[in-house]
Amino acid sequence: MSSVEIGQGGAPPRDAGRALVGLHYDDMRRMARRIVLGDGMRMAFQPTELVNETVIRLIRSGLEAVSGREHLLALASRTMRRTLIDEARKQAAAKRQRPLLLTEWIDPSDKVEPCGVENLNDAITALETHSPEHAQIVELRFGLGLTVEEAALVSGIPERTIKRRWHAARVWLQDYLTGQDAGRD
């Protein structure tokens, strides 16, 4: 269901985005639970707190342009990441140890240390500059927690391409985070 359909049903366009948030609140909670429990942010946020903060930020930014479930969840994923980054910065400013983000997107056989949320955000931002297509797959798989099949369905990209881009993006991010990207443009 898109925001246009909701808006045509009598609800003002401003309320259409809020209705879309209400429809997909459980999806955002699943995303937040996965992020919080899997990424070392347990001490900073509970899943419900992260979703509520995300919803507040989304509503403040305006939801008139949200075009559907996938668009909303992508915005929610980015907003959750920004919320976690803000929290990590607050903790660093308070001279507390920053929470580490578990690098679950890296192959378990690789010996990579957990990285900070800010470092991962910098790496994803650099990947987005380098290859928006690969960054999109990282957002779908890592940010939204979608399986390969779900990511293919949402994006319209074939599963084989999703797998290839996911593998390449993981390698690129790992190289970036371990400082092995010095030779890249």
C-alpha atoms as a PDB file:
ATOM      1  CA  MET A   1       0.000   0.000   0.000  1.00  0.00           C
ATOM      2  CA  SER A   2       1.510   3.338  -0.961  1.00  0.00           C
ATOM      3  CA  SER A   3       1.110   6.740   0.611  1.00  0.00           C
ATOM      4  CA  VAL A   4      -0.806   7.837  -2.491  1.00  0.00           C
ATOM      5  CA  GLU A   5      -3.437   5.157  -1.902  1.00  0.00           C
ATOM      6  CA  ILE A   6      -3.742   6.144   1.747  1.00  0.00           C
ATOM      7  CA  GLY A   7      -3.974   9.813   0.831  1.00  0.00           C
ATOM      8  CA  GLN A   8      -6.730   9.180  -1.731  1.00  0.00           C
ATOM      9  CA  GLY A   9      -8.798   7.344   0.862  1.00  0.00           C
ATOM     10  CA  GLY A  10      -9.659  10.627   2.558  1.00  0.00           C
ATOM     11  CA  ALA A  11      -6.678  11.005   4.895  1.00  0.00           C
ATOM     12  CA  PRO A  12      -4.679  14.179   4.337  1.00  0.00           C
ATOM     13  CA  PRO A  13      -1.262  13.520   2.718  1.00  0.00           C
ATOM     14  CA  ARG A  14       0.441  14.606   5.963  1.00  0.00           C
ATOM     15  CA  ASP A  15      -1.321  11.815   7.839  1.00  0.00           C
ATOM     16  CA  ALA A  16      -0.643   9.263   5.095  1.00  0.00           C
ATOM     17  CA  GLY A  17       3.001   8.911   6.152  1.00  0.00           C
ATOM     18  CA  ARG A  18       1.988   8.473   9.769  1.00  0.00           C
ATOM     19  CA  ALA A  19      -0.520   5.805   8.758  1.00  0.00           C
ATOM     20  CA  LEU A  20       2.227   4.026   6.831  1.00  0.00           C
ATOM     21  CA  VAL A  21       4.436   4.119   9.941  1.00  0.00           C
ATOM     22  CA  GLY A  22       1.598   2.583  11.940  1.00  0.00           C
ATOM     23  CA  LEU A  23       1.121  -0.180   9.396  1.00  0.00           C
ATOM     24  CA  HIS A  24       4.797  -1.134   9.437  1.00  0.00           C
ATOM     25  CA  TYR A  25       5.696  -0.447  13.066  1.00  0.00           C
ATOM     26  CA  ASP A  26       6.153  -4.181  13.744  1.00  0.00           C
ATOM     27  CA  ASP A  27       8.576  -4.452  10.816  1.00  0.00           C
ATOM     28  CA  MET A  28      10.603  -1.599  12.268  1.00  0.00           C
ATOM     29  CA  ARG A  29      10.582  -3.298  15.700  1.00  0.00           C
ATOM     30  CA  ARG A  30      11.975  -6.498  14.165  1.00  0.00           C
ATOM     31  CA  MET A  31      14.682  -4.460  12.476  1.00  0.00           C
ATOM     32  CA  ALA A  32      15.523  -2.632  15.712  1.00  0.00           C
ATOM     33  CA  ARG A  33      15.570  -5.853  17.737  1.00  0.00           C
ATOM     34  CA  ARG A  34      18.022  -7.384  15.298  1.00  0.00           C
ATOM     35  CA  ILE A  35      20.216  -4.277  15.324  1.00  0.00           C
ATOM     36  CA  VAL A  36      20.191  -3.750  19.094  1.00  0.00           C
ATOM     37  CA  LEU A  37      20.665  -7.363  20.122  1.00  0.00           C
ATOM     38  CA  GLY A  38      23.202  -8.149  17.439  1.00  0.00           C
ATOM     39  CA  ASP A  39      25.258  -4.990  17.460  1.00  0.00           C
ATOM     40  CA  GLY A  40      26.357  -4.352  21.011  1.00  0.00           C
ATOM     41  CA  MET A  41      23.933  -1.481  21.644  1.00  0.00           C
ATOM     42  CA  ARG A  42      22.010  -3.296  24.406  1.00  0.00           C
ATOM     43  CA  MET A  43      23.208  -0.894  27.067  1.00  0.00           C
ATOM     44  CA  ALA A  44      22.228   2.200  25.082  1.00  0.00           C
ATOM     45  CA  PHE A  45      18.841   1.204  23.641  1.00  0.00           C
ATOM     46  CA  GLN A  46      16.052  -1.281  23.900  1.00  0.00           C
ATOM     47  CA  PRO A  47      14.429  -2.140  20.535  1.00  0.00           C
ATOM     48  CA  THR A  48      11.225  -0.257  21.384  1.00  0.00           C
ATOM     49  CA  GLU A  49      13.205   2.841  22.370  1.00  0.00           C
ATOM     50  CA  LEU A  50      15.149   2.748  19.104  1.00  0.00           C
ATOM     51  CA  VAL A  51      11.962   2.385  17.055  1.00  0.00           C
ATOM     52  CA  ASN A  52      10.214   5.159  18.971  1.00  0.00           C
ATOM     53  CA  GLU A  53      13.163   7.509  18.486  1.00  0.00           C
ATOM     54  CA  THR A  54      13.237   6.554  14.805  1.00  0.00           C
ATOM     55  CA  VAL A  55       9.514   7.218  14.372  1.00  0.00           C
ATOM     56  CA  ILE A  56       9.844  10.605  16.075  1.00  0.00           C
ATOM     57  CA  ARG A  57      12.728  11.566  13.793  1.00  0.00           C
ATOM     58  CA  LEU A  58      10.872  10.342  10.702  1.00  0.00           C
ATOM     59  CA  ILE A  59       7.739  12.295  11.594  1.00  0.00           C
ATOM     60  CA  ARG A  60       9.782  15.435  12.307  1.00  0.00           C
ATOM     61  CA  SER A  61      11.500  15.135   8.935  1.00  0.00           C
ATOM     62  CA  GLY A  62       8.168  14.805   7.136  1.00  0.00           C
ATOM     63  CA  LEU A  63       6.763  11.671   5.621  1.00  0.00           C
ATOM     64  CA  GLU A  64       4.847  13.194   2.711  1.00  0.00           C
ATOM     65  CA  ALA A  65       7.270  11.822   0.118  1.00  0.00           C
ATOM     66  CA  VAL A  66       7.314   8.241   1.451  1.00  0.00           C
ATOM     67  CA  SER A  67       6.166   6.033  -1.397  1.00  0.00           C
ATOM     68  CA  GLY A  68       5.544   2.701   0.298  1.00  0.00           C
ATOM     69  CA  ARG A  69       6.760  -0.003   2.649  1.00  0.00           C
ATOM     70  CA  GLU A  70      10.203  -0.456   1.105  1.00  0.00           C
ATOM     71  CA  HIS A  71      10.877   3.278   1.042  1.00  0.00           C
ATOM     72  CA  LEU A  72       9.722   3.657   4.652  1.00  0.00           C
ATOM     73  CA  LEU A  73      11.874   0.755   5.869  1.00  0.00           C
ATOM     74  CA  ALA A  74      14.923   2.091   4.023  1.00  0.00           C
ATOM     75  CA  LEU A  75      14.397   5.488   5.675  1.00  0.00           C
ATOM     76  CA  ALA A  76      13.883   3.777   9.035  1.00  0.00           C
ATOM     77  CA  SER A  77      17.114   1.806   8.604  1.00  0.00           C
ATOM     78  CA  ARG A  78      19.120   4.942   7.883  1.00  0.00           C
ATOM     79  CA  THR A  79      17.451   6.790  10.736  1.00  0.00           C
ATOM     80  CA  MET A  80      18.207   3.947  13.165  1.00  0.00           C
ATOM     81  CA  ARG A  81      21.834   4.002  12.073  1.00  0.00           C
ATOM     82  CA  ARG A  82      21.999   7.773  12.587  1.00  0.00           C
ATOM     83  CA  THR A  83      20.357   7.403  15.996  1.00  0.00           C
ATOM     84  CA  LEU A  84      22.954   4.830  17.017  1.00  0.00           C
ATOM     85  CA  ILE A  85      25.743   7.083  15.750  1.00  0.00           C
ATOM     86  CA  ASP A  86      24.355  10.000  17.757  1.00  0.00           C
ATOM     87  CA  GLU A  87      24.225   7.790  20.850  1.00  0.00           C
ATOM     88  CA  ALA A  88      27.792   6.588  20.284  1.00  0.00           C
ATOM     89  CA  ARG A  89      28.943  10.201  19.982  1.00  0.00           C
ATOM     90  CA  LYS A  90      27.143  11.120  23.202  1.00  0.00           C
ATOM     91  CA  GLN A  91      28.820   8.257  24.991  1.00  0.00           C
ATOM     92  CA  ALA A  92      32.219   9.224  23.600  1.00  0.00           C
ATOM     93  CA  ALA A  93      31.664  12.816  24.689  1.00  0.00           C
ATOM     94  CA  ALA A  94      30.825  11.582  28.176  1.00  0.00           C
ATOM     95  CA  LYS A  95      34.165   9.725  28.190  1.00  0.00           C
ATOM     96  CA  ARG A  96      32.452   6.358  28.310  1.00  0.00           C
ATOM     97  CA  GLN A  97      33.604   3.461  26.248  1.00  0.00           C
ATOM     98  CA  ARG A  98      31.785   3.433  22.947  1.00  0.00           C
ATOM     99  CA  PRO A  99      29.704   0.390  22.169  1.00  0.00           C
ATOM    100  CA  LEU A 100      31.201  -1.824  19.536  1.00  0.00           C
ATOM    101  CA  LEU A 101      29.279  -3.018  16.541  1.00  0.00           C
ATOM    102  CA  LEU A 102      29.592  -6.689  15.823  1.00  0.00           C
ATOM    103  CA  THR A 103      30.613  -7.180  12.260  1.00  0.00           C
ATOM    104  CA  GLU A 104      28.121  -9.925  11.456  1.00  0.00           C
ATOM    105  CA  TRP A 105      28.309  -9.101   7.765  1.00  0.00           C
ATOM    106  CA  ILE A 106      31.907 -10.325   7.752  1.00  0.00           C
ATOM    107  CA  ASP A 107      32.627 -13.996   7.218  1.00  0.00           C
ATOM    108  CA  PRO A 108      33.067 -15.648  10.657  1.00  0.00           C
ATOM    109  CA  SER A 109      36.299 -17.276   9.475  1.00  0.00           C
ATOM    110  CA  ASP A 110      37.840 -13.809   9.047  1.00  0.00           C
ATOM    111  CA  LYS A 111      39.673 -12.505  12.086  1.00  0.00           C
ATOM    112  CA  VAL A 112      38.211  -9.010  12.239  1.00  0.00           C
ATOM    113  CA  GLU A 113      37.711  -7.047  15.426  1.00  0.00           C
ATOM    114  CA  PRO A 114      34.344  -5.419  16.117  1.00  0.00           C
ATOM    115  CA  CYS A 115      34.240  -1.833  14.940  1.00  0.00           C
ATOM    116  CA  GLY A 116      32.555   1.276  16.258  1.00  0.00           C
ATOM    117  CA  VAL A 117      29.255   2.488  14.867  1.00  0.00           C
ATOM    118  CA  GLU A 118      30.890   5.650  13.573  1.00  0.00           C
ATOM    119  CA  ASN A 119      33.590   3.668  11.742  1.00  0.00           C
ATOM    120  CA  LEU A 120      30.981   1.429  10.131  1.00  0.00           C
ATOM    121  CA  ASN A 121      28.924   4.461   9.120  1.00  0.00           C
ATOM    122  CA  ASP A 122      32.024   6.042   7.540  1.00  0.00           C
ATOM    123  CA  ALA A 123      32.699   2.801   5.678  1.00  0.00           C
ATOM    124  CA  ILE A 124      29.127   2.534   4.378  1.00  0.00           C
ATOM    125  CA  THR A 125      29.186   6.208   3.348  1.00  0.00           C
ATOM    126  CA  ALA A 126      32.457   5.627   1.478  1.00  0.00           C
ATOM    127  CA  LEU A 127      30.970   2.548  -0.189  1.00  0.00           C
ATOM    128  CA  GLU A 128      27.932   4.606  -1.209  1.00  0.00           C
ATOM    129  CA  THR A 129      30.265   7.079  -2.908  1.00  0.00           C
ATOM    130  CA  HIS A 130      32.247   4.269  -4.514  1.00  0.00           C
ATOM    131  CA  SER A 131      29.280   2.102  -5.567  1.00  0.00           C
ATOM    132  CA  PRO A 132      25.689   3.074  -4.759  1.00  0.00           C
ATOM    133  CA  GLU A 133      24.483  -0.326  -6.026  1.00  0.00           C
ATOM    134  CA  HIS A 134      26.609  -2.206  -3.507  1.00  0.00           C
ATOM    135  CA  ALA A 135      25.654   0.204  -0.708  1.00  0.00           C
ATOM    136  CA  GLN A 136      21.978  -0.464  -1.510  1.00  0.00           C
ATOM    137  CA  ILE A 137      22.555  -4.182  -0.939  1.00  0.00           C
ATOM    138  CA  VAL A 138      24.281  -3.442   2.391  1.00  0.00           C
ATOM    139  CA  GLU A 139      21.271  -1.328   3.433  1.00  0.00           C
ATOM    140  CA  LEU A 140      18.872  -4.123   2.469  1.00  0.00           C
ATOM    141  CA  ARG A 141      20.839  -6.987   4.009  1.00  0.00           C
ATOM    142  CA  PHE A 142      22.553  -5.379   6.985  1.00  0.00           C
ATOM    143  CA  GLY A 143      20.359  -2.386   7.737  1.00  0.00           C
ATOM    144  CA  LEU A 144      16.973  -3.980   7.129  1.00  0.00           C
ATOM    145  CA  GLY A 145      18.054  -7.526   7.913  1.00  0.00           C
ATOM    146  CA  LEU A 146      16.527  -8.953   4.746  1.00  0.00           C
ATOM    147  CA  THR A 147      17.491 -12.345   3.391  1.00  0.00           C
ATOM    148  CA  VAL A 148      18.856 -12.627  -0.141  1.00  0.00           C
ATOM    149  CA  GLU A 149      15.414 -13.700  -1.349  1.00  0.00           C
ATOM    150  CA  GLU A 150      13.654 -10.805   0.411  1.00  0.00           C
ATOM    151  CA  ALA A 151      16.222  -8.296  -0.871  1.00  0.00           C
ATOM    152  CA  ALA A 152      15.704  -9.585  -4.424  1.00  0.00           C
ATOM    153  CA  LEU A 153      11.938  -9.265  -4.047  1.00  0.00           C
ATOM    154  CA  VAL A 154      12.092  -5.739  -2.619  1.00  0.00           C
ATOM    155  CA  SER A 155      14.687  -4.379  -5.042  1.00  0.00           C
ATOM    156  CA  GLY A 156      13.767  -6.291  -8.192  1.00  0.00           C
ATOM    157  CA  ILE A 157      17.409  -7.351  -8.534  1.00  0.00           C
ATOM    158  CA  PRO A 158      18.056 -11.043  -9.279  1.00  0.00           C
ATOM    159  CA  GLU A 159      19.189 -13.182  -6.318  1.00  0.00           C
ATOM    160  CA  ARG A 160      22.520 -14.046  -7.987  1.00  0.00           C
ATOM    161  CA  THR A 161      23.289 -10.350  -8.390  1.00  0.00           C
ATOM    162  CA  ILE A 162      22.321  -9.687  -4.763  1.00  0.00           C
ATOM    163  CA  LYS A 163      24.687 -12.467  -3.618  1.00  0.00           C
ATOM    164  CA  ARG A 164      27.529 -11.181  -5.810  1.00  0.00           C
ATOM    165  CA  ARG A 165      27.104  -7.575  -4.680  1.00  0.00           C
ATOM    166  CA  TRP A 166      26.723  -8.629  -1.025  1.00  0.00           C
ATOM    167  CA  HIS A 167      29.967 -10.589  -1.158  1.00  0.00           C
ATOM    168  CA  ALA A 168      31.816  -7.761  -2.926  1.00  0.00           C
ATOM    169  CA  ALA A 169      30.438  -5.144  -0.518  1.00  0.00           C
ATOM    170  CA  ARG A 170      31.479  -7.201   2.529  1.00  0.00           C
ATOM    171  CA  VAL A 171      35.013  -7.546   1.159  1.00  0.00           C
ATOM    172  CA  TRP A 172      35.165  -3.848   0.319  1.00  0.00           C
ATOM    173  CA  LEU A 173      33.909  -2.818   3.769  1.00  0.00           C
ATOM    174  CA  GLN A 174      36.297  -5.204   5.484  1.00  0.00           C
ATOM    175  CA  ASP A 175      39.217  -3.773   3.503  1.00  0.00           C
ATOM    176  CA  TYR A 176      38.077  -0.255   4.300  1.00  0.00           C
ATOM    177  CA  LEU A 177      37.732  -0.943   8.016  1.00  0.00           C
ATOM    178  CA  THR A 178      41.093  -2.687   8.292  1.00  0.00           C
ATOM    179  CA  GLY A 179      42.870   0.094   6.392  1.00  0.00           C
ATOM    180  CA  GLN A 180      43.605  -2.007   3.335  1.00  0.00           C
ATOM    181  CA  ASP A 181      41.828   0.424   1.036  1.00  0.00           C
ATOM    182  CA  ALA A 182      44.812   2.763   0.650  1.00  0.00           C
ATOM    183  CA  GLY A 183      45.129   1.952  -3.052  1.00  0.00           C
ATOM    184  CA  ARG A 184      41.474   2.730  -3.859  1.00  0.00           C
ATOM    185  CA  ASP A 185      40.296   5.870  -5.617  1.00  0.00           C
END
